[in-house]
Amino acid sequence: MKKIAIVALGGNALLRDDESGSIEQQEANTYQTLENLIYLIKEGYDLVITHGNGPQVGNILMRNDAGQQVYGIEQMPLDVCVADSQGGIGYMIERMLRNVMNKHHITKNIVTLVTMVCVDPNDSAFSNPSKRIGKTYSMEEANLLKEMKGWEFKSTARKEGFFRRVVASPEPLSVINFELIKKLVSEETVVITVGGGGIPVYYDSNGDLRTVDAVIDKDLASAVLAHQIGADEFYILTDVPFIFKDYGLPTQEKLEFLDHADATRYLENGTFAEGTMEPKIKAALRFIEKGGKKSVITEAKKLEDRSFGSKITMNYE
């Protein structure tokens, strides 16, 4: 039987920290990233692509602010901004993937789904916002925005003295329409879904869908979807080639092969940075715990070379 692989694209796969964010830059980055996925298709994998949206949804929120201040346009809530980013980024990924496949003479159907994900409105995450979105700010800028808008900020992992806005990141419970996604994948359609972790929703007492002001971690939501559709392998693409213990410190150490027990121990010891590598490790572990065969965390450009990337399995390979 054919294997199903879920590939979660990090925000850097679309937009780099040192770039202005023009559509030309994002399209070039996306094309380059997707070029590295072709070998999975050539090896016969059925493919599901998920993606982040941190920089993009932050920019949408900033356009919200500018539109209200300059033209008096009503601002849209965070859930609508996430939906906007899903449509725009999904379209870009789909178009670039069609072009990459055309280059390699591959013919497949591709579909982009605007996706809702169920969360618990009473999740404890709402009392401890941790998900970074949007651009980086200096301490002075962050303090001013906190005073003006009531936003909360946390320092960035790699830029000392800089900060990003944080919002609540509740646990994803179930991906709405996962049955449809599974059906499409079984028909050899490449599905682009769970953009930005999905739009967080919940069912009220009447069975109606309601929204919450939050952003779901895309890797955790991807792990939930991977279990729901019975995926075999889970790839988390980021901007480092391996998982590192004590990243950026003199004690930094590459962790190439991890079993469930070791990865869990490192996680519990606080080895991985909150909001960056930590949720990726959690997502990889949850996929394995639910029966997945292998999780890989690596750079997109290292994906085809199977000797690269950090691999997490239930036991050592």
Protein backbone atom coordinates (compact mmCIF):
# COMPACT_ATOMS: atom_id res chain seq x y z
CA MET A 1 0.00 0.00 0.00
CA LYS A 2 1.12 3.57 -0.65
CA LYS A 3 2.38 5.59 2.31
CA ILE A 4 0.91 8.89 3.44
CA ALA A 5 3.32 11.66 4.45
CA ILE A 6 2.28 14.89 6.11
CA VAL A 7 4.76 17.73 5.56
CA ALA A 8 4.45 20.79 7.79
CA LEU A 9 6.10 23.85 6.25
CA GLY A 10 7.52 26.36 8.71
CA GLY A 11 7.05 30.07 8.24
CA ASN A 12 10.63 30.39 6.97
CA ALA A 13 9.69 28.15 4.05
CA LEU A 14 7.69 31.10 2.74
CA LEU A 15 9.21 34.22 4.26
CA ARG A 16 12.69 34.83 5.69
CA ASP A 17 13.39 37.08 8.69
CA ASP A 18 15.61 39.40 6.66
CA GLU A 19 13.09 39.92 3.84
CA SER A 20 10.45 42.59 3.29
CA GLY A 21 7.77 40.01 2.49
CA SER A 22 7.08 40.90 -1.13
CA ILE A 23 5.06 38.38 -3.13
CA GLU A 24 8.09 37.81 -5.36
CA GLN A 25 10.18 36.79 -2.33
CA GLN A 26 7.48 34.54 -0.92
CA GLU A 27 6.84 32.82 -4.24
CA ALA A 28 10.56 32.20 -4.78
CA ASN A 29 10.95 30.77 -1.28
CA THR A 30 7.87 28.59 -1.69
CA TYR A 31 9.01 27.25 -5.06
CA GLN A 32 12.45 26.40 -3.65
CA THR A 33 10.91 24.62 -0.64
CA LEU A 34 8.45 22.61 -2.73
CA GLU A 35 11.22 21.50 -5.08
CA ASN A 36 12.52 19.48 -2.12
CA LEU A 37 9.20 17.60 -1.78
CA ILE A 38 9.27 16.16 -5.30
CA TYR A 39 11.25 13.11 -4.25
CA LEU A 40 8.41 12.09 -1.89
CA ILE A 41 5.97 12.20 -4.79
CA LYS A 42 8.39 10.32 -7.05
CA GLU A 43 8.78 7.64 -4.38
CA GLY A 44 5.03 7.13 -4.41
CA TYR A 45 3.95 8.91 -1.23
CA ASP A 46 0.50 10.42 -1.02
CA LEU A 47 1.11 13.94 0.25
CA VAL A 48 -0.60 16.34 2.64
CA ILE A 49 0.97 19.79 3.07
CA THR A 50 0.32 22.00 6.07
CA HIS A 51 1.91 25.39 6.70
CA GLY A 52 2.54 28.16 9.18
CA ASN A 53 1.27 31.71 8.90
CA GLY A 54 2.94 33.65 11.72
CA PRO A 55 4.51 36.47 9.70
CA GLN A 56 1.63 36.65 7.24
CA VAL A 57 -1.20 36.81 9.77
CA GLY A 58 0.79 39.40 11.69
CA ASN A 59 0.99 41.51 8.54
CA ILE A 60 -2.75 41.10 7.97
CA LEU A 61 -3.39 42.37 11.50
CA MET A 62 -1.14 45.36 10.84
CA ARG A 63 -3.08 46.13 7.65
CA ASN A 64 -6.21 45.90 9.79
CA ASP A 65 -4.83 48.60 12.07
CA ALA A 66 -3.70 50.83 9.21
CA GLY A 67 -7.06 50.53 7.44
CA GLN A 68 -8.95 51.56 10.54
CA GLN A 69 -6.64 54.45 11.41
CA VAL A 70 -6.43 55.92 7.90
CA TYR A 71 -9.79 55.02 6.32
CA GLY A 72 -12.05 54.01 9.22
CA ILE A 73 -12.42 50.46 7.87
CA GLU A 74 -13.78 48.02 10.44
CA GLN A 75 -11.16 45.61 11.72
CA MET A 76 -11.67 41.87 11.22
CA PRO A 77 -11.16 39.47 14.16
CA LEU A 78 -8.20 37.14 14.41
CA ASP A 79 -10.12 34.06 13.15
CA VAL A 80 -11.01 35.85 9.90
CA CYS A 81 -7.41 36.98 9.53
CA VAL A 82 -6.26 33.36 9.93
CA ALA A 83 -8.80 32.32 7.27
CA ASP A 84 -7.50 35.08 4.98
CA SER A 85 -3.95 33.84 5.43
CA GLN A 86 -5.00 30.24 4.73
CA GLY A 87 -6.53 31.24 1.42
CA GLY A 88 -3.64 33.44 0.31
CA ILE A 89 -0.83 31.12 1.38
CA GLY A 90 -2.66 28.00 0.21
CA TYR A 91 -3.15 29.54 -3.22
CA MET A 92 0.53 30.43 -3.42
CA ILE A 93 1.65 26.93 -2.38
CA GLU A 94 -0.78 25.31 -4.82
CA ARG A 95 0.31 27.46 -7.76
CA MET A 96 4.03 27.01 -7.04
CA LEU A 97 3.56 23.25 -6.57
CA ARG A 98 1.76 22.98 -9.88
CA ASN A 99 4.71 24.77 -11.52
CA VAL A 100 7.27 22.54 -9.78
CA MET A 101 5.39 19.40 -10.82
CA ASN A 102 5.11 20.70 -14.36
CA LYS A 103 8.89 21.07 -14.42
CA HIS A 104 9.22 17.42 -13.37
CA HIS A 105 6.45 16.23 -15.75
CA ILE A 106 4.23 15.09 -12.86
CA THR A 107 0.45 15.28 -13.16
CA LYS A 108 -1.63 15.27 -9.98
CA ASN A 109 -4.70 16.99 -8.63
CA ILE A 110 -4.00 19.58 -5.91
CA VAL A 111 -6.60 21.17 -3.66
CA THR A 112 -6.40 23.86 -0.97
CA LEU A 113 -8.85 23.67 1.94
CA VAL A 114 -9.69 26.48 4.35
CA THR A 115 -9.69 24.44 7.54
CA MET A 116 -11.28 24.78 10.98
CA VAL A 117 -9.88 22.94 14.01
CA CYS A 118 -11.81 22.25 17.21
CA VAL A 119 -10.38 23.48 20.52
CA ASP A 120 -11.61 23.68 24.12
CA PRO A 121 -12.74 27.27 24.90
CA ASN A 122 -11.71 26.65 28.53
CA ASP A 123 -8.17 25.57 27.62
CA SER A 124 -5.63 26.83 30.17
CA ALA A 125 -3.60 28.32 27.29
CA PHE A 126 -5.89 31.34 27.32
CA SER A 127 -4.37 32.37 30.66
CA ASN A 128 -0.79 32.05 29.34
CA PRO A 129 -0.42 33.34 25.76
CA SER A 130 2.68 31.81 24.15
CA LYS A 131 2.23 31.69 20.35
CA ARG A 132 4.39 34.24 18.54
CA ILE A 133 2.84 35.99 15.56
CA GLY A 134 3.78 38.90 13.34
CA LYS A 135 7.01 40.85 12.98
CA THR A 136 9.75 41.46 15.53
CA TYR A 137 9.81 44.68 17.56
CA SER A 138 12.37 46.46 19.69
CA MET A 139 11.64 46.68 23.40
CA GLU A 140 10.52 50.31 23.02
CA GLU A 141 8.11 49.44 20.18
CA ALA A 142 6.73 46.43 22.07
CA ASN A 143 6.11 48.49 25.21
CA LEU A 144 4.31 51.17 23.19
CA LEU A 145 2.05 48.62 21.46
CA LYS A 146 1.33 46.92 24.77
CA GLU A 147 0.19 50.26 26.19
CA MET A 148 -1.81 51.25 23.09
CA LYS A 149 -3.43 47.93 22.18
CA GLY A 150 -3.07 45.68 25.20
CA TRP A 151 -0.96 43.20 23.22
CA GLU A 152 1.33 40.82 25.06
CA PHE A 153 4.92 40.19 23.96
CA LYS A 154 7.71 37.69 24.52
CA SER A 155 11.33 37.81 23.47
CA THR A 156 12.38 36.10 20.26
CA ALA A 157 14.45 32.93 20.39
CA ARG A 158 17.28 34.14 18.15
CA LYS A 159 17.31 37.96 18.30
CA GLU A 160 18.38 39.23 21.69
CA GLY A 161 16.54 42.40 22.70
CA PHE A 162 13.69 41.89 20.20
CA PHE A 163 10.12 40.81 20.83
CA ARG A 164 7.08 39.38 19.04
CA ARG A 165 3.40 39.52 19.90
CA VAL A 166 2.02 36.41 21.58
CA VAL A 167 -1.55 35.09 21.65
CA ALA A 168 -3.18 32.05 23.22
CA SER A 169 -2.40 28.70 21.60
CA PRO A 170 -4.98 26.11 22.74
CA GLU A 171 -4.58 22.38 22.12
CA PRO A 172 -6.04 21.17 18.81
CA LEU A 173 -8.59 18.42 19.39
CA SER A 174 -9.93 17.50 15.96
CA VAL A 175 -9.65 18.72 12.39
CA ILE A 176 -13.04 19.41 10.85
CA ASN A 177 -13.44 17.69 7.46
CA PHE A 178 -10.64 15.21 8.14
CA GLU A 179 -12.80 12.49 6.51
CA LEU A 180 -12.87 14.53 3.29
CA ILE A 181 -9.10 15.06 3.47
CA LYS A 182 -8.58 11.32 3.91
CA LYS A 183 -10.81 10.59 0.90
CA LEU A 184 -8.99 13.09 -1.30
CA VAL A 185 -5.61 11.66 -0.30
CA SER A 186 -6.82 8.13 -1.10
CA GLU A 187 -7.60 9.42 -4.59
CA GLU A 188 -3.95 10.60 -4.93
CA THR A 189 -4.83 14.29 -4.57
CA VAL A 190 -2.24 16.49 -2.88
CA VAL A 191 -4.09 18.33 -0.12
CA ILE A 192 -2.99 21.69 1.33
CA THR A 193 -4.74 22.12 4.66
CA VAL A 194 -4.53 23.16 8.36
CA GLY A 195 -2.94 26.47 7.35
CA GLY A 196 -1.56 28.33 10.35
CA GLY A 197 -2.76 25.48 12.56
CA GLY A 198 -6.33 25.90 11.39
CA ILE A 199 -9.03 28.36 12.43
CA PRO A 200 -9.79 27.67 16.14
CA VAL A 201 -13.47 26.91 16.72
CA TYR A 202 -15.68 25.07 19.20
CA TYR A 203 -19.26 23.81 19.33
CA ASP A 204 -21.61 25.57 21.74
CA SER A 205 -24.49 23.94 23.61
CA ASN A 206 -26.72 24.30 20.54
CA GLY A 207 -24.21 22.61 18.27
CA ASP A 208 -23.27 25.86 16.53
CA LEU A 209 -19.64 26.68 15.71
CA ARG A 210 -18.11 29.57 17.63
CA THR A 211 -14.67 31.15 17.38
CA VAL A 212 -12.01 32.12 19.92
CA ASP A 213 -9.23 34.73 19.76
CA ALA A 214 -6.26 32.40 19.40
CA VAL A 215 -3.77 30.77 17.03
CA ILE A 216 -3.22 27.00 17.02
CA ASP A 217 0.29 25.64 16.67
CA LYS A 218 0.48 24.24 13.15
CA ASP A 219 2.74 21.33 14.07
CA LEU A 220 0.42 20.11 16.83
CA ALA A 221 -2.62 20.48 14.56
CA SER A 222 -0.74 18.63 11.80
CA ALA A 223 -0.02 15.77 14.22
CA VAL A 224 -3.73 15.52 15.06
CA LEU A 225 -4.61 15.41 11.36
CA ALA A 226 -1.85 12.85 10.72
CA HIS A 227 -3.46 10.52 13.26
CA GLN A 228 -6.98 11.14 11.98
CA ILE A 229 -6.10 10.22 8.38
CA GLY A 230 -3.68 7.39 9.28
CA ALA A 231 -0.47 8.98 7.98
CA ASP A 232 2.71 6.90 8.08
CA GLU A 233 5.36 9.62 8.32
CA PHE A 234 5.41 13.20 9.62
CA TYR A 235 7.94 15.76 8.39
CA ILE A 236 8.34 19.11 10.18
CA LEU A 237 10.39 21.52 8.06
CA THR A 238 12.11 24.35 9.86
CA ASP A 239 15.25 26.51 9.49
CA VAL A 240 17.71 24.20 11.24
CA PRO A 241 18.95 20.83 9.89
CA PHE A 242 18.70 19.00 13.24
CA ILE A 243 17.19 19.14 16.70
CA PHE A 244 19.73 20.68 19.05
CA LYS A 245 20.07 20.36 22.79
CA ASP A 246 20.63 23.82 24.36
CA TYR A 247 20.39 25.57 20.98
CA GLY A 248 22.58 28.68 20.75
CA LEU A 249 24.44 27.98 24.01
CA PRO A 250 28.02 26.80 24.51
CA THR A 251 26.56 23.41 25.50
CA GLN A 252 24.75 23.03 22.13
CA GLU A 253 24.60 19.42 20.98
CA LYS A 254 23.12 17.84 17.84
CA LEU A 255 20.45 15.21 18.52
CA GLU A 256 20.13 13.15 15.36
CA PHE A 257 18.39 9.94 16.46
CA LEU A 258 15.90 9.96 19.32
CA ASP A 259 13.51 7.37 20.63
CA HIS A 260 10.32 8.30 22.44
CA ALA A 261 11.82 7.99 25.92
CA ASP A 262 14.84 10.22 25.26
CA ALA A 263 12.82 12.89 23.43
CA THR A 264 10.31 12.95 26.30
CA ARG A 265 13.09 13.26 28.88
CA TYR A 266 14.69 16.19 27.06
CA LEU A 267 11.30 17.85 26.72
CA GLU A 268 10.49 17.50 30.43
CA ASN A 269 13.92 18.89 31.34
CA GLY A 270 13.21 22.10 29.42
CA THR A 271 15.89 21.45 26.82
CA PHE A 272 13.91 22.95 23.94
CA ALA A 273 12.90 26.60 23.53
CA GLU A 274 9.28 27.46 24.32
CA GLY A 275 7.28 28.50 21.27
CA THR A 276 9.92 27.33 18.76
CA MET A 277 11.38 23.83 18.99
CA GLU A 278 9.31 22.70 21.98
CA PRO A 279 5.96 22.42 20.12
CA LYS A 280 7.70 20.64 17.25
CA ILE A 281 9.01 17.97 19.64
CA LYS A 282 5.56 17.67 21.24
CA ALA A 283 3.94 17.25 17.84
CA ALA A 284 6.49 14.64 16.74
CA LEU A 285 5.99 12.67 19.95
CA ARG A 286 2.21 12.74 19.73
CA PHE A 287 2.30 11.44 16.20
CA ILE A 288 4.49 8.53 17.32
CA GLU A 289 2.31 7.86 20.37
CA LYS A 290 -0.76 7.58 18.13
CA GLY A 291 0.86 4.92 15.97
CA GLY A 292 2.89 6.94 13.48
CA LYS A 293 6.08 5.27 12.28
CA LYS A 294 8.52 8.17 12.10
CA SER A 295 8.77 11.92 12.67
CA VAL A 296 11.54 13.94 11.02
CA ILE A 297 12.54 17.52 11.91
CA THR A 298 14.89 19.15 9.42
CA GLU A 299 15.50 21.86 6.82
CA ALA A 300 13.59 21.57 3.57
CA LYS A 301 16.80 21.47 1.54
CA LYS A 302 18.03 18.48 3.58
CA LEU A 303 14.83 16.48 3.16
CA GLU A 304 15.84 14.43 0.15
CA ASP A 305 19.11 13.33 1.76
CA ARG A 306 17.85 10.84 4.31
CA SER A 307 21.10 10.98 6.27
CA PHE A 308 20.14 14.47 7.40
CA GLY A 309 17.49 15.60 9.86
CA SER A 310 16.58 14.50 13.35
CA LYS A 311 14.39 11.43 13.51
CA ILE A 312 12.08 10.48 16.37
CA THR A 313 10.70 6.93 16.53
CA MET A 314 9.19 4.78 19.26
CA ASN A 315 12.46 2.85 19.37
CA TYR A 316 15.90 3.38 17.86
CA GLU A 317 16.11 2.41 14.20
